[in-house]
Amino acid sequence: AGGIELWLLLSTDMHEIDVDMSTEEPILAQVQTQSSFAALDDVQLIANGLLQLGKNLRDFVQKTKDQINDLIQKLNIFDSSFYQLSILASEIKEEEDELKKTTVMLKANNEEIKNLSLEINSKAEDIVRERVQLRNQVERLELKLTGLSQGLLSADQVAEISALKEVIQAQERSIAELLKAMKEQREHLNYQKNKIKSLENKINPNRNLTIIYKNTNSLCNGCIVDFPKHCGEIFGKGEETNGLYAIKPNQSEPFLVYCEFTEVGAFTVIQRRQDGSVNFDRSWQSYEDGFGDFKSDFWLGLKKISSIASQGDSVLHVQMEDWKREKYLMEFECSLEGPASNYTIHFKSGGLTSESQTRIRFSTKDHYDGNNNQNCAHDYTGGWWFSGCGDINLNGKSVQCKPRRKRIQWKHNKGQSHLKSSQISFYHLKATWSHTG
């Protein structure tokens, strides 16, 4: 019994030991498993981060490569454009050189024609003197005939009279032929002069007309060149090509104007705004003398404008277009005074104002007109016939955005229009087209 009890006791203790041993093994395995899984998560996290970094680097490299390719394409396009511009500039330079050579050649031909014309004039003067001498001889013979009217003429006298008559007739035929040749030479000279003028306009359209005027007088051996007074007279002579022409209105010095010819009639352009390339915020002196480029934006000048307007029958023709591409056309009968009255403009009806004023003085930022309590030209820029600040100013800034009050604008019965372009011209009535000199 004691042995059995001891065996049972040992068995119980071993069982407890087994139980404890079996209980510890899963715990150790679990701890080992948990530590193994934690290491794999860290590796996987690092791997995912490296993969994402690699993908981002690849995307960055591809984007950088695309940007480099785009820059290379743009550089190639720039090189091509620059090369084309260089070629175009060379062609323009060659054309300008050709024009200069042609001008020199025409001037030489012009000198030859001038010398021929002088020679013909000299011969014509000699012939006229001979004609006068022959006529005097004929008159003396007629006196002899009168004294011999009671008797018969001798055969020698009749033969002498017949010979003198034949000589006179031959001289008259020669004079007629020489006058015809002189007329042809004069026409050819005028053609050459116009051709030279056209070429010089292409090279330098703003050349000094006073020098040309004096040179032309010397070519005519002291004669006075009969310039037209305005574009209407040029149109009346059959000219139909728009462009620059020399005029001499109201006994002034000749100057260039831009003429437009349409089915309606002729227009002498005094102001144009089309591309904003010229600054119109200028001084009084600039507005008196004129500024800009006939090919783009320009103001003819108050001195020249008043000389054209002082000839009478002036109709002011105003064309406008706003930024919405709506077009406006206005015409006013007016007259314009000189510098003593600040170039005061008089309207017969309506006018360049939204108010009822028909007599307005011109002003600039440095030359206040006294029309208003406010110096509109200083606040609204440009020179104009201001009747009320902010109403009408076709010489303001050529801008679409603010400030609005400084823009080209026109106030009419439908509201205020901010303008993109404008053109002011003198429209010449058909009655003024006759060329009176």
Protein backbone atom coordinates (compact mmCIF):
# COMPACT_ATOMS: atom_id res chain seq x y z
CA ALA A 1 0.00 0.00 0.00
CA GLY A 2 2.78 2.33 0.74
CA GLY A 3 4.39 1.54 -2.60
CA ILE A 4 1.19 2.23 -4.47
CA GLU A 5 0.70 5.53 -2.69
CA LEU A 6 4.27 6.56 -3.55
CA TRP A 7 3.69 5.65 -7.19
CA LEU A 8 0.51 7.63 -7.29
CA LEU A 9 2.25 10.62 -5.78
CA LEU A 10 5.08 10.48 -8.30
CA SER A 11 2.63 10.02 -11.14
CA THR A 12 0.71 13.09 -10.01
CA ASP A 13 3.87 15.19 -9.78
CA MET A 14 5.04 14.06 -13.24
CA HIS A 15 1.65 14.82 -14.69
CA GLU A 16 1.78 18.32 -13.26
CA ILE A 17 5.28 18.69 -14.67
CA ASP A 18 4.08 17.50 -18.09
CA VAL A 19 1.21 19.88 -17.92
CA ASP A 20 3.52 22.76 -17.10
CA MET A 21 5.95 21.71 -19.82
CA SER A 22 3.19 21.45 -22.41
CA THR A 23 1.88 24.83 -21.32
CA GLU A 24 5.26 26.59 -21.73
CA GLU A 25 6.02 25.23 -25.21
CA PRO A 26 3.06 26.91 -26.94
CA ILE A 27 3.84 30.15 -25.14
CA LEU A 28 7.45 30.13 -26.41
CA ALA A 29 6.28 29.17 -29.90
CA GLN A 30 3.77 31.98 -29.85
CA VAL A 31 6.40 34.48 -28.76
CA GLN A 32 8.76 33.26 -31.47
CA THR A 33 5.99 33.44 -34.10
CA GLN A 34 4.98 36.95 -33.05
CA SER A 35 8.57 38.23 -33.31
CA SER A 36 8.96 36.62 -36.75
CA PHE A 37 5.78 38.29 -38.12
CA ALA A 38 6.83 41.69 -36.82
CA ALA A 39 10.13 41.53 -38.74
CA LEU A 40 8.35 40.65 -42.01
CA ASP A 41 6.00 43.65 -41.66
CA ASP A 42 8.93 45.98 -41.23
CA VAL A 43 10.65 44.55 -44.29
CA GLN A 44 7.46 44.75 -46.30
CA LEU A 45 6.95 48.38 -45.20
CA ILE A 46 10.49 49.29 -46.20
CA ALA A 47 10.11 47.44 -49.50
CA ASN A 48 6.88 49.27 -50.32
CA GLY A 49 8.54 52.58 -49.50
CA LEU A 50 11.48 51.77 -51.75
CA LEU A 51 9.13 50.72 -54.56
CA GLN A 52 7.15 53.96 -54.21
CA LEU A 53 10.36 55.98 -54.15
CA GLY A 54 11.57 54.20 -57.27
CA LYS A 55 8.27 54.85 -59.03
CA ASN A 56 8.40 58.53 -58.08
CA LEU A 57 11.99 58.76 -59.29
CA ARG A 58 11.02 57.11 -62.56
CA ASP A 59 8.09 59.51 -63.02
CA PHE A 60 10.36 62.46 -62.21
CA VAL A 61 13.00 61.27 -64.69
CA GLN A 62 10.32 60.80 -67.40
CA LYS A 63 8.80 64.23 -66.72
CA THR A 64 12.25 65.83 -66.80
CA LYS A 65 12.99 64.02 -70.06
CA ASP A 66 9.71 65.28 -71.58
CA GLN A 67 10.49 68.84 -70.47
CA ILE A 68 13.99 68.62 -71.98
CA ASN A 69 12.51 67.31 -75.26
CA ASP A 70 9.95 70.15 -75.24
CA LEU A 71 12.71 72.72 -74.68
CA ILE A 72 14.75 71.20 -77.50
CA GLN A 73 11.72 71.44 -79.85
CA LYS A 74 11.12 75.06 -78.85
CA LEU A 75 14.80 75.87 -79.39
CA ASN A 76 14.62 74.24 -82.82
CA ILE A 77 11.51 76.28 -83.66
CA PHE A 78 13.23 79.45 -82.39
CA ASP A 79 16.34 78.69 -84.46
CA SER A 80 14.17 78.12 -87.54
CA SER A 81 12.17 81.33 -86.95
CA PHE A 82 15.34 83.33 -86.33
CA TYR A 83 16.83 81.94 -89.54
CA GLN A 84 13.69 82.86 -91.50
CA LEU A 85 13.72 86.36 -90.00
CA SER A 86 17.37 86.72 -90.96
CA ILE A 87 16.54 85.73 -94.54
CA LEU A 88 13.59 88.13 -94.61
CA ALA A 89 15.74 90.96 -93.24
CA SER A 90 18.36 90.25 -95.91
CA GLU A 91 15.69 90.33 -98.63
CA ILE A 92 14.31 93.65 -97.29
CA LYS A 93 17.85 95.05 -97.22
CA GLU A 94 18.43 93.94 -100.82
CA GLU A 95 15.13 95.51 -101.93
CA GLU A 96 16.05 98.75 -100.16
CA ASP A 97 19.46 98.76 -101.90
CA GLU A 98 17.76 98.16 -105.25
CA LEU A 99 15.34 101.02 -104.57
CA LYS A 100 18.24 103.31 -103.73
CA LYS A 101 20.09 102.29 -106.91
CA THR A 102 16.94 102.87 -108.96
CA THR A 103 16.48 106.27 -107.33
CA VAL A 104 20.07 107.26 -108.16
CA MET A 105 19.59 106.10 -111.76
CA LEU A 106 16.32 108.00 -112.09
CA LYS A 107 17.91 111.12 -110.66
CA ALA A 108 20.68 110.84 -113.27
CA ASN A 109 18.07 110.44 -116.01
CA ASN A 110 16.25 113.39 -114.52
CA GLU A 111 19.40 115.52 -114.84
CA GLU A 112 19.78 114.50 -118.49
CA ILE A 113 16.16 115.36 -119.20
CA LYS A 114 16.59 118.69 -117.43
CA ASN A 115 19.64 119.50 -119.60
CA LEU A 116 17.74 118.53 -122.76
CA SER A 117 14.82 120.67 -121.66
CA LEU A 118 17.13 123.65 -121.12
CA GLU A 119 18.70 123.09 -124.53
CA ILE A 120 15.30 122.93 -126.19
CA ASN A 121 14.23 126.09 -124.37
CA SER A 122 17.36 127.85 -125.64
CA LYS A 123 16.68 126.74 -129.24
CA ALA A 124 13.07 127.80 -128.94
CA GLU A 125 14.15 131.25 -127.77
CA ASP A 126 16.49 131.54 -130.78
CA ILE A 127 13.69 130.55 -133.12
CA VAL A 128 11.35 133.06 -131.53
CA ARG A 129 13.94 135.80 -132.03
CA GLU A 130 14.40 134.78 -135.67
CA ARG A 131 10.65 134.79 -136.10
CA VAL A 132 10.46 138.31 -134.71
CA GLN A 133 13.18 139.46 -137.13
CA LEU A 134 11.40 137.87 -140.08
CA ARG A 135 8.14 139.44 -139.03
CA ASN A 136 9.84 142.83 -138.91
CA GLN A 137 11.18 142.27 -142.41
CA VAL A 138 7.71 141.34 -143.61
CA GLU A 139 6.31 144.47 -142.03
CA ARG A 140 8.91 146.59 -143.84
CA LEU A 141 8.05 144.91 -147.13
CA GLU A 142 4.36 145.51 -146.50
CA LEU A 143 5.18 149.19 -146.05
CA LYS A 144 6.97 149.13 -149.37
CA LEU A 145 3.96 147.45 -150.93
CA THR A 146 1.76 150.19 -149.53
CA GLY A 147 3.99 152.82 -151.16
CA LEU A 148 3.90 150.93 -154.45
CA SER A 149 0.18 150.29 -154.33
CA GLN A 150 -0.35 152.71 -157.22
CA GLY A 151 2.05 150.86 -159.47
CA LEU A 152 3.05 147.30 -160.31
CA LEU A 153 5.40 145.21 -158.22
CA SER A 154 8.61 144.10 -159.76
CA ALA A 155 9.34 140.42 -160.24
CA ASP A 156 12.19 140.59 -157.71
CA GLN A 157 9.96 142.06 -155.02
CA VAL A 158 7.27 139.43 -155.60
CA ALA A 159 9.90 136.68 -155.43
CA GLU A 160 11.38 138.17 -152.22
CA ILE A 161 7.93 138.32 -150.59
CA SER A 162 7.15 134.74 -151.57
CA ALA A 163 10.50 133.52 -150.26
CA LEU A 164 10.01 135.32 -146.96
CA LYS A 165 6.54 133.85 -146.57
CA GLU A 166 7.89 130.35 -147.18
CA VAL A 167 10.64 130.94 -144.63
CA ILE A 168 8.12 132.18 -142.07
CA GLN A 169 5.86 129.19 -142.65
CA ALA A 170 8.83 126.81 -142.30
CA GLN A 171 9.86 128.56 -139.11
CA GLU A 172 6.34 128.29 -137.72
CA ARG A 173 6.29 124.57 -138.49
CA SER A 174 9.66 124.17 -136.74
CA ILE A 175 8.38 126.12 -133.74
CA ALA A 176 5.26 123.92 -133.57
CA GLU A 177 7.40 120.78 -133.69
CA LEU A 178 9.73 122.14 -131.01
CA LEU A 179 6.79 123.09 -128.80
CA LYS A 180 5.41 119.57 -129.24
CA ALA A 181 8.82 118.11 -128.34
CA MET A 182 9.00 120.40 -125.29
CA LYS A 183 5.56 119.22 -124.19
CA GLU A 184 6.60 115.58 -124.52
CA GLN A 185 9.82 116.27 -122.63
CA ARG A 186 7.86 118.05 -119.89
CA GLU A 187 5.46 115.12 -119.58
CA HIS A 188 8.38 112.70 -119.43
CA LEU A 189 10.05 114.91 -116.83
CA ASN A 190 6.89 114.92 -114.72
CA TYR A 191 6.68 111.13 -115.04
CA GLN A 192 10.28 110.76 -113.90
CA LYS A 193 9.68 113.23 -111.06
CA ASN A 194 6.60 111.30 -109.85
CA LYS A 195 8.49 108.02 -110.06
CA ILE A 196 11.36 109.46 -108.01
CA LYS A 197 8.83 110.85 -105.55
CA SER A 198 7.16 107.44 -105.23
CA LEU A 199 10.49 105.70 -104.60
CA GLU A 200 11.54 108.31 -102.06
CA ASN A 201 8.20 107.83 -100.30
CA LYS A 202 9.00 104.13 -99.95
CA ILE A 203 12.48 104.85 -98.59
CA ASN A 204 11.55 107.86 -96.45
CA PRO A 205 7.92 109.07 -96.63
CA ASN A 206 8.59 111.93 -94.19
CA ARG A 207 11.19 113.70 -96.33
CA ASN A 208 11.53 117.49 -96.38
CA LEU A 209 9.08 118.78 -98.98
CA THR A 210 10.53 122.29 -98.91
CA ILE A 211 13.76 121.07 -100.52
CA ILE A 212 11.82 119.17 -103.19
CA TYR A 213 9.67 122.25 -103.79
CA LYS A 214 12.77 124.42 -104.39
CA ASN A 215 14.43 121.76 -106.57
CA THR A 216 11.27 121.45 -108.67
CA ASN A 217 11.21 125.22 -109.17
CA SER A 218 14.81 125.15 -110.35
CA LEU A 219 13.97 122.40 -112.84
CA CYS A 220 11.22 124.60 -114.22
CA ASN A 221 13.70 127.48 -114.63
CA GLY A 222 11.98 129.73 -112.07
CA CYS A 223 8.38 128.67 -112.64
CA ILE A 224 5.92 128.19 -109.78
CA VAL A 225 4.75 124.62 -109.14
CA ASP A 226 0.96 124.44 -109.06
CA PHE A 227 0.26 122.08 -106.15
CA PRO A 228 -3.35 121.00 -105.47
CA LYS A 229 -5.11 122.48 -102.44
CA HIS A 230 -6.49 119.19 -101.09
CA CYS A 231 -7.23 115.58 -102.02
CA GLY A 232 -10.45 116.61 -103.74
CA GLU A 233 -8.52 118.39 -106.48
CA ILE A 234 -6.24 115.37 -106.90
CA PHE A 235 -9.32 113.17 -107.25
CA GLY A 236 -10.78 115.63 -109.76
CA LYS A 237 -7.74 115.10 -111.99
CA GLY A 238 -8.51 111.38 -112.22
CA GLU A 239 -6.26 110.01 -109.46
CA GLU A 240 -7.82 106.98 -107.74
CA THR A 241 -4.92 105.41 -105.81
CA ASN A 242 -4.86 105.90 -102.03
CA GLY A 243 -1.56 107.19 -100.70
CA LEU A 244 0.65 110.19 -99.92
CA TYR A 245 0.36 113.36 -102.01
CA ALA A 246 1.81 116.86 -101.73
CA ILE A 247 -0.70 119.70 -101.34
CA LYS A 248 -0.38 123.47 -100.85
CA PRO A 249 -3.56 124.88 -99.29
CA ASN A 250 -4.20 128.57 -98.63
CA GLN A 251 -0.75 129.81 -99.79
CA SER A 252 1.06 127.68 -97.19
CA GLU A 253 4.27 125.72 -97.72
CA PRO A 254 3.59 122.38 -99.45
CA PHE A 255 3.26 119.32 -97.21
CA LEU A 256 2.33 115.64 -97.43
CA VAL A 257 -1.14 114.29 -96.66
CA TYR A 258 -2.70 110.85 -96.90
CA CYS A 259 -5.56 110.80 -99.44
CA GLU A 260 -8.35 108.23 -99.64
CA PHE A 261 -10.49 107.94 -102.75
CA THR A 262 -13.81 106.09 -102.79
CA GLU A 263 -16.95 106.00 -104.92
CA VAL A 264 -18.38 108.63 -102.56
CA GLY A 265 -15.52 111.08 -103.05
CA ALA A 266 -12.13 112.22 -101.78
CA PHE A 267 -10.93 112.41 -98.17
CA THR A 268 -7.90 114.23 -96.71
CA VAL A 269 -7.03 112.21 -93.57
CA ILE A 270 -5.98 114.36 -90.58
CA GLN A 271 -6.00 111.72 -87.80
CA ARG A 272 -5.81 107.93 -87.60
CA ARG A 273 -5.80 105.54 -84.61
CA GLN A 274 -5.60 101.88 -85.56
CA ASP A 275 -2.92 99.96 -83.66
CA GLY A 276 -1.85 102.04 -80.63
CA SER A 277 1.75 102.24 -81.87
CA VAL A 278 1.99 106.03 -81.37
CA ASN A 279 1.74 107.90 -78.05
CA PHE A 280 -0.90 110.69 -78.34
CA ASP A 281 -0.30 112.17 -74.87
CA ARG A 282 1.92 114.97 -76.17
CA SER A 283 2.65 118.67 -75.81
CA TRP A 284 0.98 121.63 -77.49
CA GLN A 285 3.95 122.04 -79.85
CA SER A 286 3.65 118.42 -81.02
CA TYR A 287 -0.06 118.84 -81.71
CA GLU A 288 0.65 122.01 -83.69
CA ASP A 289 3.41 120.45 -85.82
CA GLY A 290 1.98 116.92 -86.13
CA PHE A 291 3.43 113.52 -85.24
CA GLY A 292 3.20 109.79 -85.95
CA ASP A 293 3.59 107.64 -89.05
CA PHE A 294 1.36 107.82 -92.14
CA LYS A 295 1.55 104.01 -92.32
CA SER A 296 -0.05 103.55 -88.88
CA ASP A 297 -1.20 106.13 -86.29
CA PHE A 298 -0.68 109.85 -86.85
CA TRP A 299 -1.93 113.38 -86.20
CA LEU A 300 -1.43 115.73 -89.18
CA GLY A 301 -0.87 118.88 -87.09
CA LEU A 302 -3.10 121.82 -86.18
CA LYS A 303 -1.22 124.24 -88.47
CA LYS A 304 -1.78 122.02 -91.51
CA ILE A 305 -5.34 121.12 -90.51
CA SER A 306 -6.31 124.79 -90.13
CA SER A 307 -4.75 125.67 -93.50
CA ILE A 308 -6.91 122.99 -95.16
CA ALA A 309 -10.06 123.97 -93.26
CA SER A 310 -9.60 127.72 -93.96
CA GLN A 311 -10.37 127.12 -97.65
CA GLY A 312 -14.05 126.70 -96.78
CA ASP A 313 -16.62 124.03 -97.55
CA SER A 314 -15.09 121.72 -94.93
CA VAL A 315 -17.04 118.64 -93.89
CA LEU A 316 -15.51 116.72 -90.99
CA HIS A 317 -15.85 112.95 -91.60
CA VAL A 318 -15.35 110.76 -88.48
CA GLN A 319 -15.14 106.94 -88.61
CA MET A 320 -14.98 104.93 -85.37
CA GLU A 321 -15.00 101.30 -84.19
CA ASP A 322 -15.33 100.13 -80.57
CA TRP A 323 -13.91 97.01 -78.94
CA LYS A 324 -17.17 95.15 -79.69
CA ARG A 325 -16.55 95.77 -83.42
CA GLU A 326 -19.50 98.12 -83.70
CA LYS A 327 -18.84 100.90 -86.21
CA TYR A 328 -19.96 104.54 -86.18
CA LEU A 329 -19.90 107.23 -88.87
CA MET A 330 -20.45 110.95 -88.22
CA GLU A 331 -20.21 114.06 -90.42
CA PHE A 332 -20.17 117.73 -89.38
CA GLU A 333 -19.96 121.00 -91.26
CA CYS A 334 -17.35 123.10 -89.51
CA SER A 335 -14.67 125.79 -89.77
CA LEU A 336 -11.39 126.13 -87.90
CA GLU A 337 -9.57 129.25 -86.72
CA GLY A 338 -5.80 129.70 -86.35
CA PRO A 339 -3.34 129.68 -83.41
CA ALA A 340 -4.44 133.09 -82.09
CA SER A 341 -7.73 131.52 -80.89
CA ASN A 342 -6.24 128.14 -79.83
CA TYR A 343 -7.53 126.65 -83.10
CA THR A 344 -11.17 127.19 -82.17
CA ILE A 345 -13.52 124.91 -84.10
CA HIS A 346 -17.01 126.08 -85.11
CA PHE A 347 -19.84 123.64 -85.85
CA LYS A 348 -22.90 124.53 -87.89
CA SER A 349 -24.88 121.68 -86.36
CA GLY A 350 -23.94 119.07 -83.74
CA GLY A 351 -20.20 118.63 -83.34
CA LEU A 352 -17.46 116.79 -81.50
CA THR A 353 -19.33 117.27 -78.23
CA SER A 354 -22.34 115.78 -76.50
CA GLU A 355 -23.47 119.23 -75.41
CA SER A 356 -24.91 122.13 -77.39
CA GLN A 357 -21.60 123.99 -77.71
CA THR A 358 -20.70 124.95 -81.27
CA ARG A 359 -17.47 126.87 -80.53
CA ILE A 360 -14.66 124.98 -78.74
CA ARG A 361 -10.94 125.70 -78.31
CA PHE A 362 -8.22 123.05 -78.59
CA SER A 363 -6.13 122.19 -75.52
CA THR A 364 -3.33 119.89 -74.35
CA LYS A 365 -1.97 118.99 -70.92
CA ASP A 366 0.52 121.91 -71.10
CA HIS A 367 -1.84 124.40 -72.80
CA TYR A 368 -5.15 124.91 -70.96
CA ASP A 369 -7.96 126.15 -73.22
CA GLY A 370 -10.18 127.69 -70.54
CA ASN A 371 -13.32 125.93 -71.82
CA ASN A 372 -13.99 124.27 -68.45
CA ASN A 373 -13.17 124.68 -64.81
CA GLN A 374 -11.11 121.50 -65.10
CA ASN A 375 -8.06 120.91 -67.30
CA CYS A 376 -9.48 117.92 -69.18
CA ALA A 377 -6.34 117.30 -71.25
CA HIS A 378 -4.27 116.92 -68.07
CA ASP A 379 -6.72 114.52 -66.44
CA TYR A 380 -7.86 112.57 -69.50
CA THR A 381 -4.61 112.67 -71.62
CA GLY A 382 -4.18 113.65 -75.25
CA GLY A 383 -4.98 116.90 -77.05
CA TRP A 384 -8.59 117.61 -78.08
CA TRP A 385 -11.47 120.05 -78.39
CA PHE A 386 -12.80 119.34 -74.89
CA SER A 387 -16.31 120.63 -74.17
CA GLY A 388 -16.83 118.43 -71.11
CA CYS A 389 -14.33 116.09 -69.47
CA GLY A 390 -15.09 112.43 -70.16
CA ASP A 391 -17.49 113.05 -73.05
CA ILE A 392 -15.49 112.82 -76.27
CA ASN A 393 -11.74 112.35 -76.78
CA LEU A 394 -10.49 110.61 -79.92
CA ASN A 395 -6.87 111.31 -78.95
CA GLY A 396 -6.90 109.48 -75.59
CA LYS A 397 -4.96 106.32 -74.75
CA SER A 398 -5.45 103.33 -77.04
CA VAL A 399 -6.22 100.74 -74.32
CA GLN A 400 -9.09 98.34 -73.67
CA CYS A 401 -8.69 98.06 -69.89
CA LYS A 402 -8.94 100.65 -67.13
CA PRO A 403 -8.55 103.56 -66.43
CA ARG A 404 -11.63 104.22 -68.52
CA ARG A 405 -11.52 107.99 -68.40
CA LYS A 406 -8.15 108.06 -70.18
CA ARG A 407 -9.24 105.90 -73.14
CA ILE A 408 -10.38 106.85 -76.63
CA GLN A 409 -14.08 107.48 -76.11
CA TRP A 410 -17.22 108.88 -77.70
CA LYS A 411 -20.40 109.79 -75.85
CA HIS A 412 -23.54 109.53 -77.99
CA ASN A 413 -27.28 109.22 -77.54
CA LYS A 414 -27.00 105.47 -76.82
CA GLY A 415 -24.34 105.86 -74.14
CA GLN A 416 -20.56 105.85 -73.91
CA SER A 417 -18.41 103.92 -76.41
CA HIS A 418 -14.79 103.06 -75.69
CA LEU A 419 -13.10 102.96 -79.06
CA LYS A 420 -10.51 100.68 -80.58
CA SER A 421 -9.85 102.79 -83.69
CA SER A 422 -10.81 106.10 -85.28
CA GLN A 423 -10.12 108.17 -88.38
CA ILE A 424 -10.87 111.86 -88.94
CA SER A 425 -10.87 113.29 -92.48
CA PHE A 426 -11.97 116.30 -94.44
CA TYR A 427 -14.54 115.19 -97.00
CA HIS A 428 -14.35 117.47 -100.05
CA LEU A 429 -17.58 118.33 -101.81
CA LYS A 430 -17.58 117.87 -105.57
CA ALA A 431 -17.90 121.62 -106.07
CA THR A 432 -14.39 122.07 -104.59
CA TRP A 433 -12.69 119.54 -106.90
CA SER A 434 -11.87 122.09 -109.62
CA HIS A 435 -8.17 123.00 -109.61
CA THR A 436 -7.92 126.79 -109.39
CA GLY A 437 -4.27 127.02 -108.35
